[in-house]
Amino acid sequence: MKNHYFLFFMLTAMFIACKKAPKLAEKTDPPVVVVPKDTTKIVSTKTMKIDSIRKAFALRSSKSIFNTISDSVWKDSTGITFLVELRDGETSSTFSLGPVVDERQLFPGSLIKGKSLDDFSFTPLTGYVLAPVTIYSSDYSFDILENVNASKKVIDDYIKKQLERAGSKQINSAQYSSGQPFGNYGEISLFSYYSWDFSSLLNLKPGEHRKIKKKNGLYSTVTLSLFSVTAETPMTGHFFGPGVNPASVPDHPLMIIDVTYGRSALIAFESDAPYNDIQSAFNRMMNKTATANDLSLFQNATITTFARGFKPDDMNQLKNAKGAELVERYRIMVEAGGNRSANEYGVPIQLILGKASEISAPFFKHKSKHRLDYPIN
């Protein structure tokens, strides 16, 4: 019996000894702390460049003759365009004429719609007649006509009659510039006080900008003012005639007070040569002393020309010429431009306009807007 108790005791002890120990907590890795990304917007390199251009342009504008009206950033921030206009003190009352103009309304005493200056259409003001005016010229050999009902035919006949009596002669009245630097084609019109946009001659494709593609740019202008004709505003006390209140006339009416007849031209160069080399080469060409290096410079340059009022054949030859030949033909055309006769007296190149009013027409200053492009390379 004792042996049975002993065996039972031993089995119980073994069972207790073999009972599984309590399970310890499993060891785990510490949690990974995820730091949130910086939500601050990172300024792109393009944005920084545009801001830099804006600051530099604002400084330039503060020291220049123009005001900045607005700016616009290009698609994908590849550049920026500034729209500018001359300051009030710099705006001229003289309206310069570009290459595309309907000349039927361009005569002293013409009445036009004011808004038509924006697109150079010179739309006539219909339904109203200007009271008789006095016609005279800056050329003192011209007669003075009083009490004239102005029209294009009347003015053209007046000019031809005066020039036939005076005969042909050479006029040395060219205002010629030896060259000015530019980096944007819009600067040419801006700093030449042009009312029209020279960059319109570039035939740019959509998306192309007006900044020069080569390292340096130079432009030169020529103005040959042969004579002007003025229509003195009506002194009868009635601008449009009795019974018409000028305040009731629509379309912001303007009167062409003075027309300058003559010729104007411009030539612009883009070149990778130093600016001083471009200027020296151009002046030597105009003085008929161009060197072989000068001719080579012109051959590798991008050249754009404009001409108004010169002989049609001379202007047409500019269209087909390139390089040094283009510069040479430009020189020949300009040299021949001073001749004045009843059949060759140029075309209207500048206007002075006035607001149609009851007694007088104060000079009207038209503010032209100019575009300056700055691509980001």
Protein backbone atom coordinates (compact mmCIF):
# COMPACT_ATOMS: atom_id res chain seq x y z
CA MET A 1 0.00 0.00 0.00
CA LYS A 2 2.78 2.37 0.87
CA ASN A 3 4.30 1.74 -2.48
CA HIS A 4 1.07 2.80 -4.22
CA TYR A 5 0.98 6.07 -2.26
CA PHE A 6 4.55 6.75 -3.13
CA LEU A 7 3.94 6.15 -6.82
CA PHE A 8 0.89 8.45 -6.78
CA PHE A 9 2.89 11.12 -5.05
CA MET A 10 5.70 10.91 -7.58
CA LEU A 11 3.37 11.09 -10.58
CA THR A 12 1.61 14.12 -9.12
CA ALA A 13 4.89 15.84 -8.49
CA MET A 14 6.04 15.13 -12.00
CA PHE A 15 2.76 16.50 -13.42
CA ILE A 16 3.12 19.70 -11.43
CA ALA A 17 6.76 20.05 -12.40
CA CYS A 18 5.93 19.60 -16.10
CA LYS A 19 3.10 22.18 -16.07
CA LYS A 20 3.83 24.95 -18.63
CA ALA A 21 5.33 28.16 -17.22
CA PRO A 22 3.33 31.37 -17.77
CA LYS A 23 3.92 32.96 -21.24
CA LEU A 24 6.10 36.08 -21.23
CA ALA A 25 5.13 39.14 -23.31
CA GLU A 26 6.60 39.00 -26.80
CA LYS A 27 9.32 41.48 -27.57
CA THR A 28 8.23 43.99 -30.25
CA ASP A 29 10.09 46.66 -32.19
CA PRO A 30 9.37 50.27 -31.17
CA PRO A 31 6.85 52.05 -33.43
CA VAL A 32 8.24 54.05 -36.33
CA VAL A 33 7.53 57.75 -35.91
CA VAL A 34 6.47 59.29 -39.26
CA VAL A 35 7.38 62.97 -39.46
CA PRO A 36 4.89 64.92 -41.63
CA LYS A 37 6.31 66.44 -44.81
CA ASP A 38 6.87 70.19 -44.87
CA THR A 39 3.69 71.69 -46.27
CA THR A 40 5.38 75.01 -47.07
CA LYS A 41 5.17 75.73 -50.82
CA ILE A 42 8.58 75.54 -52.43
CA VAL A 43 9.24 78.49 -54.73
CA SER A 44 10.30 77.23 -58.15
CA THR A 45 13.38 78.49 -59.92
CA LYS A 46 11.21 79.97 -62.67
CA THR A 47 9.13 81.90 -60.14
CA MET A 48 12.27 83.26 -58.52
CA LYS A 49 13.56 84.39 -61.93
CA ILE A 50 10.27 86.09 -62.78
CA ASP A 51 10.29 87.92 -59.44
CA SER A 52 13.85 89.00 -60.12
CA ILE A 53 12.88 90.30 -63.57
CA ARG A 54 9.92 92.18 -62.04
CA LYS A 55 12.14 93.90 -59.48
CA ALA A 56 14.76 94.86 -62.06
CA PHE A 57 12.09 96.13 -64.45
CA ALA A 58 10.42 98.20 -61.71
CA LEU A 59 13.76 99.87 -60.98
CA ARG A 60 14.33 100.53 -64.67
CA SER A 61 10.82 101.96 -65.07
CA SER A 62 11.33 104.35 -62.14
CA LYS A 63 14.30 105.88 -63.96
CA SER A 64 12.89 105.81 -67.49
CA ILE A 65 10.37 107.67 -69.66
CA PHE A 66 7.64 105.05 -69.34
CA ASN A 67 5.16 103.67 -66.81
CA THR A 68 4.32 100.00 -66.41
CA ILE A 69 0.61 99.37 -66.95
CA SER A 70 0.52 95.62 -66.31
CA ASP A 71 2.45 92.40 -66.66
CA SER A 72 1.51 88.84 -67.54
CA VAL A 73 3.38 85.59 -66.91
CA TRP A 74 3.62 83.21 -69.86
CA LYS A 75 2.29 79.66 -69.87
CA ASP A 76 4.38 77.31 -67.69
CA SER A 77 6.18 80.41 -66.34
CA THR A 78 8.55 80.49 -69.30
CA GLY A 79 8.67 84.29 -69.39
CA ILE A 80 6.91 87.54 -68.60
CA THR A 81 5.54 90.41 -70.70
CA PHE A 82 5.23 94.02 -69.53
CA LEU A 83 2.76 96.48 -71.06
CA VAL A 84 4.07 100.05 -70.85
CA GLU A 85 3.25 103.56 -72.02
CA LEU A 86 5.04 106.91 -72.00
CA ARG A 87 4.71 109.09 -68.92
CA ASP A 88 2.41 112.10 -69.17
CA GLY A 89 5.30 114.53 -69.49
CA GLU A 90 6.85 112.47 -72.28
CA THR A 91 3.75 111.88 -74.40
CA SER A 92 3.93 113.80 -77.67
CA SER A 93 1.00 115.43 -79.45
CA THR A 94 2.52 114.21 -82.73
CA PHE A 95 1.02 110.96 -84.01
CA SER A 96 3.51 108.99 -86.14
CA LEU A 97 2.24 106.76 -88.92
CA GLY A 98 3.27 103.16 -89.48
CA PRO A 99 3.25 100.92 -92.55
CA VAL A 100 -0.46 100.05 -92.66
CA VAL A 101 -2.70 103.10 -92.88
CA ASP A 102 -5.86 103.98 -94.78
CA GLU A 103 -4.76 107.34 -96.13
CA ARG A 104 -8.13 108.49 -97.46
CA GLN A 105 -8.84 110.35 -94.21
CA LEU A 106 -5.34 111.70 -93.69
CA PHE A 107 -5.63 115.37 -94.59
CA PRO A 108 -5.80 118.62 -92.62
CA GLY A 109 -9.38 119.33 -91.62
CA SER A 110 -10.44 115.68 -91.59
CA LEU A 111 -12.90 114.56 -88.90
CA ILE A 112 -12.35 111.07 -87.50
CA LYS A 113 -13.66 108.89 -84.69
CA GLY A 114 -11.30 109.07 -81.73
CA LYS A 115 -11.36 105.36 -80.93
CA SER A 116 -10.17 104.54 -84.45
CA LEU A 117 -6.66 105.69 -83.49
CA ASP A 118 -6.21 102.47 -81.53
CA ASP A 119 -6.23 100.28 -84.64
CA PHE A 120 -5.02 102.91 -87.16
CA SER A 121 -8.25 102.67 -89.13
CA PHE A 122 -8.88 106.45 -89.03
CA THR A 123 -12.61 105.92 -89.43
CA PRO A 124 -14.34 109.08 -90.73
CA LEU A 125 -16.90 110.83 -88.57
CA THR A 126 -19.98 110.75 -90.78
CA GLY A 127 -23.09 112.89 -90.56
CA TYR A 128 -21.19 116.01 -89.54
CA VAL A 129 -19.41 118.69 -91.55
CA LEU A 130 -16.54 120.81 -90.31
CA ALA A 131 -17.06 124.54 -90.61
CA PRO A 132 -14.79 126.31 -93.18
CA VAL A 133 -11.12 126.55 -92.18
CA THR A 134 -7.95 128.41 -93.19
CA ILE A 135 -5.22 126.35 -94.89
CA TYR A 136 -1.51 127.25 -94.78
CA SER A 137 1.89 125.50 -94.90
CA SER A 138 5.22 125.47 -93.10
CA ASP A 139 6.69 126.27 -96.53
CA TYR A 140 6.29 130.03 -96.81
CA SER A 141 6.17 129.81 -100.60
CA PHE A 142 2.72 128.21 -100.32
CA ASP A 143 -0.37 130.39 -100.57
CA ILE A 144 -2.78 130.80 -97.68
CA LEU A 145 -6.34 129.65 -98.40
CA GLU A 146 -9.17 131.09 -96.35
CA ASN A 147 -12.74 129.92 -95.84
CA VAL A 148 -12.06 126.43 -97.27
CA ASN A 149 -14.28 123.38 -96.96
CA ALA A 150 -11.53 120.83 -96.37
CA SER A 151 -11.49 117.50 -98.22
CA LYS A 152 -8.75 115.18 -99.44
CA LYS A 153 -9.14 116.36 -103.04
CA VAL A 154 -9.04 120.02 -102.03
CA ILE A 155 -5.84 119.50 -100.02
CA ASP A 156 -4.13 117.33 -102.67
CA ASP A 157 -4.91 119.86 -105.40
CA TYR A 158 -3.63 122.68 -103.18
CA ILE A 159 -0.29 120.92 -102.54
CA LYS A 160 0.33 119.99 -106.18
CA LYS A 161 -0.46 123.50 -107.38
CA GLN A 162 2.02 125.02 -104.92
CA LEU A 163 4.75 122.52 -105.80
CA GLU A 164 4.27 122.93 -109.55
CA ARG A 165 4.82 126.64 -109.14
CA ALA A 166 7.90 126.13 -106.94
CA GLY A 167 9.47 123.43 -109.12
CA SER A 168 11.57 120.47 -108.02
CA LYS A 169 14.22 120.91 -105.37
CA GLN A 170 16.36 118.97 -102.91
CA ILE A 171 15.41 119.22 -99.25
CA ASN A 172 18.08 118.50 -96.67
CA SER A 173 15.86 117.97 -93.65
CA ALA A 174 16.71 114.43 -92.64
CA GLN A 175 16.82 113.60 -88.96
CA TYR A 176 19.19 110.65 -89.00
CA SER A 177 20.40 108.61 -86.02
CA SER A 178 23.74 106.81 -86.03
CA GLY A 179 22.25 103.95 -84.03
CA GLN A 180 20.73 103.12 -80.65
CA PRO A 181 20.84 99.85 -78.68
CA PHE A 182 17.77 97.71 -78.03
CA GLY A 183 16.98 94.33 -76.51
CA ASN A 184 13.22 94.21 -77.13
CA TYR A 185 11.63 95.18 -80.44
CA GLY A 186 8.99 97.07 -78.48
CA GLU A 187 11.75 99.41 -77.24
CA ILE A 188 12.23 100.72 -80.77
CA SER A 189 8.73 102.20 -80.94
CA LEU A 190 8.82 103.27 -77.29
CA PHE A 191 12.07 105.23 -77.41
CA SER A 192 11.42 106.57 -80.92
CA TYR A 193 8.07 107.97 -79.71
CA TYR A 194 6.31 105.97 -82.41
CA SER A 195 2.55 105.59 -82.19
CA TRP A 196 2.75 102.18 -83.88
CA ASP A 197 4.44 98.91 -82.95
CA PHE A 198 7.60 98.16 -84.94
CA SER A 199 7.52 94.53 -83.76
CA SER A 200 4.41 94.04 -85.92
CA LEU A 201 6.81 93.79 -88.88
CA LEU A 202 8.40 90.60 -87.52
CA ASN A 203 5.54 88.29 -88.58
CA LEU A 204 5.87 86.36 -85.35
CA LYS A 205 4.17 83.01 -84.94
CA PRO A 206 1.89 82.38 -81.93
CA GLY A 207 4.02 81.91 -78.84
CA GLU A 208 7.09 83.69 -80.21
CA HIS A 209 8.42 86.61 -78.22
CA ARG A 210 9.75 90.04 -79.20
CA LYS A 211 13.09 89.89 -77.44
CA ILE A 212 16.15 89.73 -79.68
CA LYS A 213 17.59 86.26 -80.26
CA LYS A 214 21.19 87.36 -80.73
CA LYS A 215 23.51 89.10 -78.26
CA ASN A 216 23.08 92.73 -79.35
CA GLY A 217 20.59 94.92 -81.16
CA LEU A 218 20.95 98.30 -82.90
CA TYR A 219 18.35 100.40 -84.68
CA SER A 220 18.54 103.62 -86.66
CA THR A 221 15.72 105.92 -87.75
CA VAL A 222 15.43 108.45 -90.56
CA THR A 223 12.77 111.15 -90.82
CA LEU A 224 12.56 113.40 -93.90
CA SER A 225 10.06 116.16 -93.19
CA LEU A 226 9.48 117.97 -96.51
CA PHE A 227 6.69 120.32 -95.42
CA SER A 228 3.51 120.40 -93.36
CA VAL A 229 0.01 121.69 -94.05
CA THR A 230 -2.22 123.06 -91.29
CA ALA A 231 -5.97 123.53 -91.10
CA GLU A 232 -6.68 126.33 -88.65
CA THR A 233 -9.68 125.46 -86.52
CA PRO A 234 -12.90 127.32 -87.31
CA MET A 235 -13.07 130.80 -85.79
CA THR A 236 -16.78 131.30 -86.43
CA GLY A 237 -17.74 130.17 -82.94
CA HIS A 238 -19.25 126.98 -84.32
CA PHE A 239 -16.96 124.00 -84.85
CA PHE A 240 -19.44 121.87 -86.82
CA GLY A 241 -21.66 124.65 -87.99
CA PRO A 242 -24.67 126.45 -86.51
CA GLY A 243 -27.06 124.40 -84.42
CA VAL A 244 -24.69 121.50 -83.61
CA ASN A 245 -23.61 121.05 -80.01
CA PRO A 246 -20.15 119.41 -79.97
CA ALA A 247 -20.98 117.70 -76.68
CA SER A 248 -23.71 115.73 -78.44
CA VAL A 249 -21.44 114.42 -81.20
CA PRO A 250 -20.65 110.70 -80.60
CA ASP A 251 -17.45 108.65 -80.98
CA HIS A 252 -15.05 111.11 -79.31
CA PRO A 253 -14.57 113.20 -82.48
CA LEU A 254 -11.12 114.42 -83.43
CA MET A 255 -9.90 116.82 -86.08
CA ILE A 256 -6.62 116.41 -87.95
CA ILE A 257 -5.08 119.84 -87.47
CA ASP A 258 -1.67 119.37 -89.10
CA VAL A 259 -0.12 116.83 -91.48
CA THR A 260 3.62 116.48 -92.09
CA TYR A 261 4.43 115.17 -95.56
CA GLY A 262 7.68 113.38 -96.23
CA ARG A 263 9.41 110.06 -95.74
CA SER A 264 10.37 107.89 -92.80
CA ALA A 265 12.49 104.77 -92.49
CA LEU A 266 14.03 102.49 -89.90
CA ILE A 267 16.56 99.67 -89.93
CA ALA A 268 17.18 97.26 -87.04
CA PHE A 269 20.03 94.77 -86.57
CA GLU A 270 20.46 91.70 -84.39
CA SER A 271 24.02 90.41 -84.23
CA ASP A 272 26.34 88.37 -82.03
CA ALA A 273 29.06 90.94 -82.70
CA PRO A 274 29.88 93.58 -80.05
CA TYR A 275 27.53 96.57 -80.14
CA ASN A 276 30.30 99.04 -81.03
CA ASP A 277 31.27 96.88 -84.01
CA ILE A 278 27.67 96.89 -85.28
CA GLN A 279 27.42 100.66 -84.93
CA SER A 280 30.77 101.29 -86.64
CA ALA A 281 29.92 98.93 -89.50
CA PHE A 282 26.56 100.60 -90.07
CA ASN A 283 27.99 104.11 -90.10
CA ARG A 284 30.75 103.11 -92.49
CA MET A 285 28.16 101.57 -94.81
CA MET A 286 26.08 104.75 -94.74
CA ASN A 287 29.24 106.74 -95.54
CA LYS A 288 30.24 104.34 -98.37
CA THR A 289 33.42 103.19 -96.57
CA ALA A 290 32.36 99.70 -95.47
CA THR A 291 35.08 97.06 -95.09
CA ALA A 292 34.99 93.34 -95.86
CA ASN A 293 34.52 92.66 -92.14
CA ASP A 294 31.53 95.02 -92.11
CA LEU A 295 29.92 93.18 -95.01
CA SER A 296 30.50 89.86 -93.24
CA LEU A 297 28.85 91.21 -90.09
CA PHE A 298 25.75 92.20 -92.07
CA GLN A 299 25.61 88.80 -93.77
CA ASN A 300 25.34 87.10 -90.38
CA ALA A 301 22.93 89.61 -88.84
CA THR A 302 19.15 89.57 -88.64
CA ILE A 303 17.97 92.78 -90.33
CA THR A 304 14.48 94.30 -90.34
CA THR A 305 13.54 97.45 -92.28
CA PHE A 306 10.60 99.82 -92.55
CA ALA A 307 10.07 102.53 -95.15
CA ARG A 308 7.25 104.97 -95.85
CA GLY A 309 6.92 107.64 -98.53
CA PHE A 310 10.03 106.79 -100.58
CA LYS A 311 9.96 105.78 -104.24
CA PRO A 312 7.92 102.58 -104.62
CA ASP A 313 10.70 100.84 -106.59
CA ASP A 314 13.26 101.60 -103.88
CA MET A 315 10.96 100.30 -101.14
CA ASN A 316 10.13 97.15 -103.09
CA GLN A 317 13.82 96.34 -103.52
CA LEU A 318 14.20 96.23 -99.75
CA LYS A 319 11.73 93.34 -99.58
CA ASN A 320 13.87 91.03 -101.69
CA ALA A 321 17.34 91.97 -100.42
CA LYS A 322 19.25 90.42 -97.50
CA GLY A 323 22.45 90.99 -95.56
CA ALA A 324 24.89 93.59 -96.87
CA GLU A 325 22.83 94.11 -100.03
CA LEU A 326 19.83 95.11 -97.90
CA VAL A 327 21.85 97.70 -95.98
CA GLU A 328 23.26 99.10 -99.23
CA ARG A 329 19.81 99.43 -100.81
CA TYR A 330 18.57 101.08 -97.63
CA ARG A 331 21.38 103.66 -97.92
CA ILE A 332 20.58 104.37 -101.59
CA MET A 333 16.88 104.80 -100.82
CA VAL A 334 17.54 107.24 -97.97
CA GLU A 335 20.00 109.31 -100.01
CA ALA A 336 17.44 109.79 -102.79
CA GLY A 337 14.65 110.70 -100.39
CA GLY A 338 15.29 114.43 -100.21
CA ASN A 339 13.94 115.20 -103.68
CA ARG A 340 10.64 117.12 -103.71
CA SER A 341 8.38 117.76 -106.69
CA ALA A 342 4.70 117.99 -107.57
CA ASN A 343 4.67 114.25 -108.25
CA GLU A 344 6.98 113.14 -105.45
CA TYR A 345 6.46 114.79 -102.10
CA GLY A 346 6.19 111.77 -99.88
CA VAL A 347 3.13 110.81 -97.88
CA PRO A 348 1.67 111.79 -94.51
CA ILE A 349 4.17 110.61 -91.88
CA GLN A 350 3.02 112.58 -88.83
CA LEU A 351 -0.24 114.07 -87.62
CA ILE A 352 -1.26 116.56 -84.99
CA LEU A 353 -4.81 116.04 -83.79
CA GLY A 354 -7.19 118.06 -81.68
CA LYS A 355 -10.42 117.40 -79.85
CA ALA A 356 -13.39 118.77 -81.75
CA SER A 357 -14.69 121.62 -79.58
CA GLU A 358 -16.88 124.69 -79.89
CA ILE A 359 -14.17 127.27 -80.53
CA SER A 360 -10.78 125.57 -80.73
CA ALA A 361 -9.20 122.14 -80.90
CA PRO A 362 -6.58 121.65 -78.15
CA PHE A 363 -3.79 119.27 -79.13
CA PHE A 364 -4.72 115.67 -78.42
CA LYS A 365 -2.10 113.32 -76.96
CA HIS A 366 -2.65 109.67 -77.82
CA LYS A 367 -1.06 107.17 -75.44
CA SER A 368 0.27 104.18 -77.33
CA LYS A 369 0.92 100.95 -75.46
CA HIS A 370 4.12 98.99 -76.03
CA ARG A 371 4.96 95.36 -75.22
CA LEU A 372 8.29 94.25 -73.77
CA ASP A 373 9.00 90.50 -73.57
CA TYR A 374 11.42 88.74 -71.21
CA PRO A 375 11.75 84.97 -71.72
CA ILE A 376 13.33 82.73 -69.08
CA ASN A 377 16.13 80.68 -70.59
